Structures are given as C-alpha cells and as structure tokens.
C-alpha cells in the first residue's frame, strides 16, 4: 500500500511503502528496524565493540540484540547459517579494555 507522507509538500511529497506489522498495524518502511544502517554477515570482521541487532532469516527467530567484540568475526546462526545479518545499534566499550578496571 502507498500513502502520502504527512507534513511534506512539493517535490519532497513522495509516497512511502508500508510493511505490515501484525494485524492491522503498519510501520513506514523507512522506520522498519531492519532498514536502519549497514548490515554485516557471518565472517565479516567486527570493527567496533557494541550492541548489535541480530536479524535472522525469515521467521526463524525474532530480532534480538547481542554484544559483539571488536577484532572478532560475526558468527553464523546454527539454524539459518550464513543468512543471519547484524546491524550496529550503538557502540559500547568492553569493560576489560578500560585502563581503570582490573582483569
């Protein structure tokens, strides 16, 4: 379904596609969690320690978050294998990399 963008006029008054979100609910595709930011795949190097959204293939499992450490690689899923994707939600330093914290 296509709907006009509220509050936008002129050349910027483009339509946006909607994706279904449960019975009767809709979310603009541009605000869908799976559309925000670059996605990484299994085997890609993790460049920044932080909290990542884990996006499984189809409906295998709901989207969830996990902490990933820099200098590691993104893992495959036991079920969806290399179809799983990861998206950085926010960086967060690993506590044991902090000079003020003892191991």
PDB file of N, CA and C in Angstrom:
ATOM      1  N   UNK A   1       0.848  -1.181   0.000  1.00  0.00           N
ATOM      2  CA  UNK A   1       0.000   0.000   0.000  1.00  0.00           C
ATOM      3  C   UNK A   1       0.886   1.233   0.000  1.00  0.00           C
ATOM      4  N   UNK A   2       0.467   2.267  -0.692  1.00  0.00           N
ATOM      5  CA  UNK A   2       1.224   3.507  -0.766  1.00  0.00           C
ATOM      6  C   UNK A   2       0.407   4.602  -0.110  1.00  0.00           C
ATOM      7  N   UNK A   3       1.063   5.403   0.710  1.00  0.00           N
ATOM      8  CA  UNK A   3       0.380   6.500   1.398  1.00  0.00           C
ATOM      9  C   UNK A   3       1.242   7.751   1.315  1.00  0.00           C
ATOM     10  N   UNK A   4       0.622   8.922   1.221  1.00  0.00           N
ATOM     11  CA  UNK A   4       1.413  10.162   1.174  1.00  0.00           C
ATOM     12  C   UNK A   4       2.100  10.418   2.509  1.00  0.00           C
ATOM     13  N   UNK A   5       3.241  11.058   2.449  1.00  0.00           N
ATOM     14  CA  UNK A   5       3.968  11.409   3.662  1.00  0.00           C
ATOM     15  C   UNK A   5       3.337  12.635   4.278  1.00  0.00           C
ATOM     16  N   UNK A   6       2.869  12.559   5.503  1.00  0.00           N
ATOM     17  CA  UNK A   6       2.239  13.719   6.129  1.00  0.00           C
ATOM     18  C   UNK A   6       3.242  14.833   6.391  1.00  0.00           C
ATOM     19  N   UNK A   7       2.816  16.071   6.184  1.00  0.00           N
ATOM     20  CA  UNK A   7       3.648  17.225   6.502  1.00  0.00           C
ATOM     21  C   UNK A   7       4.735  17.524   5.491  1.00  0.00           C
ATOM     22  N   UNK A   8       4.746  16.854   4.351  1.00  0.00           N
ATOM     23  CA  UNK A   8       5.762  17.088   3.331  1.00  0.00           C
ATOM     24  C   UNK A   8       5.046  17.500   2.060  1.00  0.00           C
ATOM     25  N   UNK A   9       5.543  18.579   1.419  1.00  0.00           N
ATOM     26  CA  UNK A   9       4.874  19.058   0.214  1.00  0.00           C
ATOM     27  C   UNK A   9       5.882  19.250  -0.907  1.00  0.00           C
ATOM     28  N   UNK A  10       5.358  19.585  -2.095  1.00  0.00           N
ATOM     29  CA  UNK A  10       6.208  19.866  -3.236  1.00  0.00           C
ATOM     30  C   UNK A  10       6.916  18.621  -3.743  1.00  0.00           C
ATOM     31  N   UNK A  11       8.164  18.824  -4.246  1.00  0.00           N
ATOM     32  CA  UNK A  11       8.928  17.718  -4.817  1.00  0.00           C
ATOM     33  C   UNK A  11       9.225  16.632  -3.792  1.00  0.00           C
ATOM     34  N   UNK A  12       9.219  17.016  -2.516  1.00  0.00           N
ATOM     35  CA  UNK A  12       9.530  16.037  -1.471  1.00  0.00           C
ATOM     36  C   UNK A  12       8.298  15.235  -1.047  1.00  0.00           C
ATOM     37  N   UNK A  13       7.133  15.566  -1.601  1.00  0.00           N
ATOM     38  CA  UNK A  13       5.895  14.876  -1.208  1.00  0.00           C
ATOM     39  C   UNK A  13       5.792  13.545  -1.944  1.00  0.00           C
ATOM     40  N   UNK A  14       6.739  12.659  -1.672  1.00  0.00           N
ATOM     41  CA  UNK A  14       6.741  11.350  -2.298  1.00  0.00           C
ATOM     42  C   UNK A  14       5.997  10.364  -1.419  1.00  0.00           C
ATOM     43  N   UNK A  15       5.585   9.296  -2.023  1.00  0.00           N
ATOM     44  CA  UNK A  15       4.906   8.248  -1.274  1.00  0.00           C
ATOM     45  C   UNK A  15       5.942   7.318  -0.658  1.00  0.00           C
ATOM     46  N   UNK A  16       5.556   6.691   0.445  1.00  0.00           N
ATOM     47  CA  UNK A  16       6.408   5.680   1.057  1.00  0.00           C
ATOM     48  C   UNK A  16       5.622   4.389   1.133  1.00  0.00           C
ATOM     49  N   UNK A  17       6.313   3.284   0.995  1.00  0.00           N
ATOM     50  CA  UNK A  17       5.675   1.982   1.092  1.00  0.00           C
ATOM     51  C   UNK A  17       5.568   1.594   2.557  1.00  0.00           C
ATOM     52  N   UNK A  18       4.533   0.853   2.872  1.00  0.00           N
ATOM     53  CA  UNK A  18       4.331   0.382   4.231  1.00  0.00           C
ATOM     54  C   UNK A  18       4.503  -1.125   4.268  1.00  0.00           C
ATOM     55  N   UNK A  19       4.999  -1.603   5.390  1.00  0.00           N
ATOM     56  CA  UNK A  19       5.091  -3.033   5.616  1.00  0.00           C
ATOM     57  C   UNK A  19       4.131  -3.374   6.734  1.00  0.00           C
ATOM     58  N   UNK A  20       3.552  -4.534   6.673  1.00  0.00           N
ATOM     59  CA  UNK A  20       2.619  -4.953   7.711  1.00  0.00           C
ATOM     60  C   UNK A  20       3.355  -5.196   9.020  1.00  0.00           C
ATOM     61  N   UNK A  21       2.756  -4.807  10.102  1.00  0.00           N
ATOM     62  CA  UNK A  21       3.291  -5.053  11.435  1.00  0.00           C
ATOM     63  C   UNK A  21       2.150  -5.621  12.259  1.00  0.00           C
ATOM     64  N   UNK A  22       1.944  -6.900  12.137  1.00  0.00           N
ATOM     65  CA  UNK A  22       0.855  -7.525  12.873  1.00  0.00           C
ATOM     66  C   UNK A  22      -0.488  -7.185  12.248  1.00  0.00           C
ATOM     67  N   UNK A  23      -1.549  -7.719  12.808  1.00  0.00           N
ATOM     68  CA  UNK A  23      -2.882  -7.485  12.243  1.00  0.00           C
ATOM     69  C   UNK A  23      -3.271  -6.009  12.296  1.00  0.00           C
ATOM     70  N   UNK A  24      -3.436  -5.421  11.129  1.00  0.00           N
ATOM     71  CA  UNK A  24      -3.930  -4.061  11.055  1.00  0.00           C
ATOM     72  C   UNK A  24      -2.919  -2.955  11.304  1.00  0.00           C
ATOM     73  N   UNK A  25      -1.756  -3.234  11.873  1.00  0.00           N
ATOM     74  CA  UNK A  25      -0.766  -2.198  12.168  1.00  0.00           C
ATOM     75  C   UNK A  25       0.202  -2.030  11.015  1.00  0.00           C
ATOM     76  N   UNK A  26       0.654  -0.815  10.808  1.00  0.00           N
ATOM     77  CA  UNK A  26       1.609  -0.568   9.726  1.00  0.00           C
ATOM     78  C   UNK A  26       2.722   0.337  10.217  1.00  0.00           C
ATOM     79  N   UNK A  27       3.905   0.136   9.677  1.00  0.00           N
ATOM     80  CA  UNK A  27       5.067   0.946  10.011  1.00  0.00           C
ATOM     81  C   UNK A  27       5.690   1.393   8.699  1.00  0.00           C
ATOM     82  N   UNK A  28       6.031   2.685   8.539  1.00  0.00           N
ATOM     83  CA  UNK A  28       6.710   3.104   7.303  1.00  0.00           C
ATOM     84  C   UNK A  28       7.987   2.298   7.114  1.00  0.00           C
ATOM     85  N   UNK A  29       8.230   1.820   5.892  1.00  0.00           N
ATOM     86  CA  UNK A  29       9.405   1.000   5.620  1.00  0.00           C
ATOM     87  C   UNK A  29      10.690   1.695   6.081  1.00  0.00           C
ATOM     88  N   UNK A  30      10.783   3.015   5.928  1.00  0.00           N
ATOM     89  CA  UNK A  30      11.985   3.732   6.325  1.00  0.00           C
ATOM     90  C   UNK A  30      12.219   3.684   7.836  1.00  0.00           C
ATOM     91  N   UNK A  31      11.187   3.326   8.612  1.00  0.00           N
ATOM     92  CA  UNK A  31      11.339   3.229  10.052  1.00  0.00           C
ATOM     93  C   UNK A  31      11.361   1.795  10.543  1.00  0.00           C
ATOM     94  N   UNK A  32      11.353   0.858   9.619  1.00  0.00           N
ATOM     95  CA  UNK A  32      11.389  -0.549   9.993  1.00  0.00           C
ATOM     96  C   UNK A  32      12.776  -0.868  10.535  1.00  0.00           C
ATOM     97  N   UNK A  33      12.898  -1.578  11.663  1.00  0.00           N
ATOM     98  CA  UNK A  33      14.208  -1.821  12.263  1.00  0.00           C
ATOM     99  C   UNK A  33      15.195  -2.506  11.329  1.00  0.00           C
ATOM    100  N   UNK A  34      14.715  -3.281  10.403  1.00  0.00           N
ATOM    101  CA  UNK A  34      15.639  -3.992   9.520  1.00  0.00           C
ATOM    102  C   UNK A  34      16.191  -3.103   8.407  1.00  0.00           C
ATOM    103  N   UNK A  35      15.751  -1.870   8.310  1.00  0.00           N
ATOM    104  CA  UNK A  35      16.206  -0.987   7.243  1.00  0.00           C
ATOM    105  C   UNK A  35      17.204   0.072   7.714  1.00  0.00           C
ATOM    106  N   UNK A  36      17.566   0.108   8.981  1.00  0.00           N
ATOM    107  CA  UNK A  36      18.416   1.174   9.509  1.00  0.00           C
ATOM    108  C   UNK A  36      19.873   0.738   9.578  1.00  0.00           C
ATOM    109  N   UNK A  37      20.735   1.425   8.861  1.00  0.00           N
ATOM    110  CA  UNK A  37      22.170   1.200   8.968  1.00  0.00           C
ATOM    111  C   UNK A  37      22.666   0.005   8.169  1.00  0.00           C
ATOM    112  N   UNK A  38      23.991  -0.052   7.988  1.00  0.00           N
ATOM    113  CA  UNK A  38      24.579  -1.166   7.234  1.00  0.00           C
ATOM    114  C   UNK A  38      24.418  -2.481   7.976  1.00  0.00           C
ATOM    115  N   UNK A  39      24.328  -3.542   7.229  1.00  0.00           N
ATOM    116  CA  UNK A  39      24.214  -4.881   7.805  1.00  0.00           C
ATOM    117  C   UNK A  39      25.493  -5.657   7.532  1.00  0.00           C
ATOM    118  N   UNK A  40      25.842  -6.498   8.470  1.00  0.00           N
ATOM    119  CA  UNK A  40      27.037  -7.318   8.355  1.00  0.00           C
ATOM    120  C   UNK A  40      26.626  -8.774   8.308  1.00  0.00           C
ATOM    121  N   UNK A  41      27.453  -9.607   7.675  1.00  0.00           N
ATOM    122  CA  UNK A  41      27.132 -11.016   7.528  1.00  0.00           C
ATOM    123  C   UNK A  41      28.183 -11.878   8.226  1.00  0.00           C
ATOM    124  N   UNK A  42      27.865 -13.152   8.469  1.00  0.00           N
ATOM    125  CA  UNK A  42      28.827 -14.039   9.116  1.00  0.00           C
ATOM    126  C   UNK A  42      30.160 -14.054   8.370  1.00  0.00           C
ATOM    127  N   UNK A  43      31.236 -14.009   9.138  1.00  0.00           N
ATOM    128  CA  UNK A  43      32.577 -13.984   8.552  1.00  0.00           C
ATOM    129  C   UNK A  43      33.145 -12.590   8.397  1.00  0.00           C
ATOM    130  N   UNK A  44      32.289 -11.556   8.378  1.00  0.00           N
ATOM    131  CA  UNK A  44      32.778 -10.175   8.311  1.00  0.00           C
ATOM    132  C   UNK A  44      33.487  -9.854   9.614  1.00  0.00           C
ATOM    133  N   UNK A  45      34.574  -9.080   9.558  1.00  0.00           N
ATOM    134  CA  UNK A  45      35.243  -8.679  10.804  1.00  0.00           C
ATOM    135  C   UNK A  45      34.405  -7.670  11.580  1.00  0.00           C
ATOM    136  N   UNK A  46      34.417  -7.792  12.897  1.00  0.00           N
ATOM    137  CA  UNK A  46      33.723  -6.837  13.759  1.00  0.00           C
ATOM    138  C   UNK A  46      34.701  -5.702  14.024  1.00  0.00           C
ATOM    139  N   UNK A  47      34.376  -4.508  13.556  1.00  0.00           N
ATOM    140  CA  UNK A  47      35.284  -3.367  13.682  1.00  0.00           C
ATOM    141  C   UNK A  47      35.075  -2.573  14.956  1.00  0.00           C
ATOM    142  N   UNK A  48      33.838  -2.619  15.492  1.00  0.00           N
ATOM    143  CA  UNK A  48      33.539  -1.844  16.702  1.00  0.00           C
ATOM    144  C   UNK A  48      32.823  -2.713  17.728  1.00  0.00           C
ATOM    145  N   UNK A  49      33.309  -2.673  18.971  1.00  0.00           N
ATOM    146  CA  UNK A  49      32.609  -3.357  20.052  1.00  0.00           C
ATOM    147  C   UNK A  49      31.314  -2.613  20.317  1.00  0.00           C
ATOM    148  N   UNK A  50      30.242  -3.355  20.476  1.00  0.00           N
ATOM    149  CA  UNK A  50      28.973  -2.697  20.744  1.00  0.00           C
ATOM    150  C   UNK A  50      27.822  -3.663  20.777  1.00  0.00           C
ATOM    151  N   UNK A  51      26.637  -3.093  20.797  1.00  0.00           N
ATOM    152  CA  UNK A  51      25.405  -3.858  20.811  1.00  0.00           C
ATOM    153  C   UNK A  51      24.892  -3.915  19.373  1.00  0.00           C
ATOM    154  N   UNK A  52      24.663  -5.121  18.903  1.00  0.00           N
ATOM    155  CA  UNK A  52      24.213  -5.343  17.537  1.00  0.00           C
ATOM    156  C   UNK A  52      22.834  -5.988  17.534  1.00  0.00           C
ATOM    157  N   UNK A  53      22.025  -5.589  16.566  1.00  0.00           N
ATOM    158  CA  UNK A  53      20.748  -6.226  16.339  1.00  0.00           C
ATOM    159  C   UNK A  53      21.025  -7.462  15.481  1.00  0.00           C
ATOM    160  N   UNK A  54      20.453  -8.596  15.862  1.00  0.00           N
ATOM    161  CA  UNK A  54      20.652  -9.844  15.128  1.00  0.00           C
ATOM    162  C   UNK A  54      19.373 -10.128  14.348  1.00  0.00           C
ATOM    163  N   UNK A  55      19.488 -10.183  13.024  1.00  0.00           N
ATOM    164  CA  UNK A  55      18.349 -10.339  12.118  1.00  0.00           C
ATOM    165  C   UNK A  55      18.424 -11.714  11.471  1.00  0.00           C
ATOM    166  N   UNK A  56      17.567 -12.603  11.905  1.00  0.00           N
ATOM    167  CA  UNK A  56      17.582 -13.967  11.384  1.00  0.00           C
ATOM    168  C   UNK A  56      16.798 -14.064  10.088  1.00  0.00           C
ATOM    169  N   UNK A  57      17.058 -15.120   9.318  1.00  0.00           N
ATOM    170  CA  UNK A  57      16.386 -15.368   8.052  1.00  0.00           C
ATOM    171  C   UNK A  57      14.914 -15.693   8.278  1.00  0.00           C
ATOM    172  N   UNK A  58      14.051 -15.026   7.566  1.00  0.00           N
ATOM    173  CA  UNK A  58      12.601 -15.224   7.632  1.00  0.00           C
ATOM    174  C   UNK A  58      12.095 -15.141   9.070  1.00  0.00           C
ATOM    175  N   UNK A  59      11.251 -16.079   9.469  1.00  0.00           N
ATOM    176  CA  UNK A  59      10.695 -16.023  10.814  1.00  0.00           C
ATOM    177  C   UNK A  59      11.318 -17.051  11.741  1.00  0.00           C
ATOM    178  N   UNK A  60      12.564 -17.427  11.468  1.00  0.00           N
ATOM    179  CA  UNK A  60      13.258 -18.401  12.310  1.00  0.00           C
ATOM    180  C   UNK A  60      13.271 -17.971  13.771  1.00  0.00           C
ATOM    181  N   UNK A  61      13.565 -16.708  14.018  1.00  0.00           N
ATOM    182  CA  UNK A  61      13.638 -16.177  15.377  1.00  0.00           C
ATOM    183  C   UNK A  61      13.394 -14.675  15.317  1.00  0.00           C
ATOM    184  N   UNK A  62      12.807 -14.139  16.376  1.00  0.00           N
ATOM    185  CA  UNK A  62      12.564 -12.694  16.436  1.00  0.00           C
ATOM    186  C   UNK A  62      13.897 -11.948  16.479  1.00  0.00           C
ATOM    187  N   UNK A  63      13.866 -10.714  16.021  1.00  0.00           N
ATOM    188  CA  UNK A  63      15.045  -9.851  16.093  1.00  0.00           C
ATOM    189  C   UNK A  63      15.436  -9.711  17.564  1.00  0.00           C
ATOM    190  N   UNK A  64      16.738  -9.812  17.853  1.00  0.00           N
ATOM    191  CA  UNK A  64      17.215  -9.647  19.229  1.00  0.00           C
ATOM    192  C   UNK A  64      18.557  -8.935  19.194  1.00  0.00           C
ATOM    193  N   UNK A  65      19.055  -8.554  20.355  1.00  0.00           N
ATOM    194  CA  UNK A  65      20.329  -7.839  20.448  1.00  0.00           C
ATOM    195  C   UNK A  65      21.383  -8.721  21.105  1.00  0.00           C
ATOM    196  N   UNK A  66      22.640  -8.453  20.738  1.00  0.00           N
ATOM    197  CA  UNK A  66      23.766  -9.190  21.307  1.00  0.00           C
ATOM    198  C   UNK A  66      24.986  -8.275  21.336  1.00  0.00           C
ATOM    199  N   UNK A  67      25.875  -8.506  22.285  1.00  0.00           N
ATOM    200  CA  UNK A  67      27.132  -7.762  22.367  1.00  0.00           C
ATOM    201  C   UNK A  67      28.156  -8.472  21.488  1.00  0.00           C
ATOM    202  N   UNK A  68      28.828  -7.699  20.651  1.00  0.00           N
ATOM    203  CA  UNK A  68      29.874  -8.228  19.776  1.00  0.00           C
ATOM    204  C   UNK A  68      31.160  -7.466  20.068  1.00  0.00           C
ATOM    205  N   UNK A  69      32.284  -8.182  20.095  1.00  0.00           N
ATOM    206  CA  UNK A  69      33.575  -7.583  20.415  1.00  0.00           C
ATOM    207  C   UNK A  69      34.398  -7.321  19.167  1.00  0.00           C
ATOM    208  N   UNK A  70      35.046  -6.161  19.126  1.00  0.00           N
ATOM    209  CA  UNK A  70      35.920  -5.805  18.013  1.00  0.00           C
ATOM    210  C   UNK A  70      37.025  -6.846  17.872  1.00  0.00           C
ATOM    211  N   UNK A  71      37.518  -6.997  16.669  1.00  0.00           N
ATOM    212  CA  UNK A  71      38.593  -7.920  16.311  1.00  0.00           C
ATOM    213  C   UNK A  71      38.151  -9.372  16.323  1.00  0.00           C
ATOM    214  N   UNK A  72      36.860  -9.618  16.386  1.00  0.00           N
ATOM    215  CA  UNK A  72      36.297 -10.957  16.237  1.00  0.00           C
ATOM    216  C   UNK A  72      35.602 -10.970  14.875  1.00  0.00           C
ATOM    217  N   UNK A  73      34.877 -12.025  14.553  1.00  0.00           N
ATOM    218  CA  UNK A  73      34.105 -12.057  13.314  1.00  0.00           C
ATOM    219  C   UNK A  73      32.652 -12.348  13.661  1.00  0.00           C
ATOM    220  N   UNK A  74      31.741 -11.885  12.810  1.00  0.00           N
ATOM    221  CA  UNK A  74      30.329 -12.150  13.021  1.00  0.00           C
ATOM    222  C   UNK A  74      30.086 -13.644  12.811  1.00  0.00           C
ATOM    223  N   UNK A  75      29.348 -14.276  13.730  1.00  0.00           N
ATOM    224  CA  UNK A  75      29.128 -15.722  13.626  1.00  0.00           C
ATOM    225  C   UNK A  75      27.929 -16.071  12.742  1.00  0.00           C
ATOM    226  N   UNK A  76      27.919 -17.328  12.293  1.00  0.00           N
ATOM    227  CA  UNK A  76      26.750 -17.853  11.586  1.00  0.00           C
ATOM    228  C   UNK A  76      25.735 -18.320  12.620  1.00  0.00           C
ATOM    229  N   UNK A  77      24.488 -18.421  12.212  1.00  0.00           N
ATOM    230  CA  UNK A  77      23.425 -18.947  13.075  1.00  0.00           C
ATOM    231  C   UNK A  77      23.380 -20.466  12.883  1.00  0.00           C
ATOM    232  N   UNK A  78      23.147 -21.209  13.946  1.00  0.00           N
ATOM    233  CA  UNK A  78      23.050 -22.664  13.847  1.00  0.00           C
ATOM    234  C   UNK A  78      21.884 -23.093  12.967  1.00  0.00           C
ATOM    235  N   UNK A  79      20.858 -22.245  12.862  1.00  0.00           N
ATOM    236  CA  UNK A  79      19.680 -22.601  12.093  1.00  0.00           C
ATOM    237  C   UNK A  79      19.677 -21.972  10.699  1.00  0.00           C
ATOM    238  N   UNK A  80      19.839 -20.660  10.619  1.00  0.00           N
ATOM    239  CA  UNK A  80      19.767 -20.004   9.304  1.00  0.00           C
ATOM    240  C   UNK A  80      21.135 -19.816   8.652  1.00  0.00           C
ATOM    241  N   UNK A  81      22.155 -20.373   9.290  1.00  0.00           N
ATOM    242  CA  UNK A  81      23.511 -20.407   8.738  1.00  0.00           C
ATOM    243  C   UNK A  81      24.012 -19.016   8.365  1.00  0.00           C
ATOM    244  N   UNK A  82      24.427 -18.839   7.092  1.00  0.00           N
ATOM    245  CA  UNK A  82      25.017 -17.562   6.684  1.00  0.00           C
ATOM    246  C   UNK A  82      23.990 -16.518   6.253  1.00  0.00           C
ATOM    247  N   UNK A  83      22.701 -16.795   6.445  1.00  0.00           N
ATOM    248  CA  UNK A  83      21.666 -15.817   6.082  1.00  0.00           C
ATOM    249  C   UNK A  83      21.379 -14.830   7.208  1.00  0.00           C
ATOM    250  N   UNK A  84      21.926 -15.063   8.398  1.00  0.00           N
ATOM    251  CA  UNK A  84      21.741 -14.135   9.514  1.00  0.00           C
ATOM    252  C   UNK A  84      22.510 -12.844   9.214  1.00  0.00           C
ATOM    253  N   UNK A  85      21.998 -11.709   9.682  1.00  0.00           N
ATOM    254  CA  UNK A  85      22.657 -10.416   9.490  1.00  0.00           C
ATOM    255  C   UNK A  85      22.715  -9.689  10.817  1.00  0.00           C
ATOM    256  N   UNK A  86      23.638  -8.731  10.902  1.00  0.00           N
ATOM    257  CA  UNK A  86      23.873  -7.968  12.118  1.00  0.00           C
ATOM    258  C   UNK A  86      23.886  -6.487  11.778  1.00  0.00           C
ATOM    259  N   UNK A  87      23.335  -5.674  12.681  1.00  0.00           N
ATOM    260  CA  UNK A  87      23.326  -4.215  12.497  1.00  0.00           C
ATOM    261  C   UNK A  87      23.725  -3.568  13.808  1.00  0.00           C
ATOM    262  N   UNK A  88      24.666  -2.638  13.734  1.00  0.00           N
ATOM    263  CA  UNK A  88      25.128  -1.940  14.926  1.00  0.00           C
ATOM    264  C   UNK A  88      24.026  -1.036  15.466  1.00  0.00           C
ATOM    265  N   UNK A  89      23.654  -1.246  16.739  1.00  0.00           N
ATOM    266  CA  UNK A  89      22.674  -0.399  17.403  1.00  0.00           C
ATOM    267  C   UNK A  89      23.404   0.772  18.042  1.00  0.00           C
ATOM    268  N   UNK A  90      24.456   0.462  18.817  1.00  0.00           N
ATOM    269  CA  UNK A  90      25.309   1.516  19.377  1.00  0.00           C
ATOM    270  C   UNK A  90      26.607   0.899  19.855  1.00  0.00           C
ATOM    271  N   UNK A  91      27.661   1.694  19.785  1.00  0.00           N
ATOM    272  CA  UNK A  91      28.949   1.224  20.282  1.00  0.00           C
ATOM    273  C   UNK A  91      28.925   1.236  21.809  1.00  0.00           C
ATOM    274  N   UNK A  92      29.708   0.365  22.393  1.00  0.00           N
ATOM    275  CA  UNK A  92      29.816   0.277  23.847  1.00  0.00           C
ATOM    276  C   UNK A  92      31.174  -0.341  24.149  1.00  0.00           C
ATOM    277  N   UNK A  93      32.040   0.370  24.866  1.00  0.00           N
ATOM    278  CA  UNK A  93      33.381  -0.177  25.126  1.00  0.00           C
ATOM    279  C   UNK A  93      33.324  -1.406  26.031  1.00  0.00           C
ATOM    280  N   UNK A  94      34.192  -2.354  25.756  1.00  0.00           N
ATOM    281  CA  UNK A  94      34.306  -3.558  26.573  1.00  0.00           C
ATOM    282  C   UNK A  94      34.983  -3.165  27.883  1.00  0.00           C
ATOM    283  N   UNK A  95      34.387  -3.495  29.013  1.00  0.00           N
ATOM    284  CA  UNK A  95      34.857  -3.027  30.315  1.00  0.00           C
ATOM    285  C   UNK A  95      36.306  -3.427  30.599  1.00  0.00           C
ATOM    286  N   UNK A  96      36.713  -4.607  30.159  1.00  0.00           N
ATOM    287  CA  UNK A  96      38.071  -5.057  30.442  1.00  0.00           C
ATOM    288  C   UNK A  96      39.117  -4.448  29.529  1.00  0.00           C
ATOM    289  N   UNK A  97      38.699  -3.611  28.565  1.00  0.00           N
ATOM    290  CA  UNK A  97      39.630  -2.812  27.759  1.00  0.00           C
ATOM    291  C   UNK A  97      39.848  -1.446  28.381  1.00  0.00           C
ATOM    292  N   UNK A  98      39.158  -1.147  29.483  1.00  0.00           N
ATOM    293  CA  UNK A  98      39.266   0.128  30.187  1.00  0.00           C
ATOM    294  C   UNK A  98      40.466   0.085  31.131  1.00  0.00           C
ATOM    295  N   UNK A  99      41.328   1.071  31.051  1.00  0.00           N
ATOM    296  CA  UNK A  99      42.550   1.116  31.873  1.00  0.00           C
ATOM    297  C   UNK A  99      42.257   1.219  33.367  1.00  0.00           C
ATOM    298  N   UNK A 100      41.092   1.715  33.753  1.00  0.00           N
ATOM    299  CA  UNK A 100      40.755   1.868  35.154  1.00  0.00           C
ATOM    300  C   UNK A 100      40.130   0.619  35.785  1.00  0.00           C
ATOM    301  N   UNK A 101      39.967  -0.424  35.011  1.00  0.00           N
ATOM    302  CA  UNK A 101      39.336  -1.640  35.509  1.00  0.00           C
ATOM    303  C   UNK A 101      40.335  -2.774  35.470  1.00  0.00           C
ATOM    304  N   UNK A 102      40.412  -3.506  36.577  1.00  0.00           N
ATOM    305  CA  UNK A 102      41.330  -4.645  36.640  1.00  0.00           C
ATOM    306  C   UNK A 102      40.672  -5.900  36.057  1.00  0.00           C
ATOM    307  N   UNK A 103      41.495  -6.744  35.485  1.00  0.00           N
ATOM    308  CA  UNK A 103      41.008  -8.056  34.998  1.00  0.00           C
ATOM    309  C   UNK A 103      40.741  -8.972  36.153  1.00  0.00           C
TER     310      UNK A 103
END
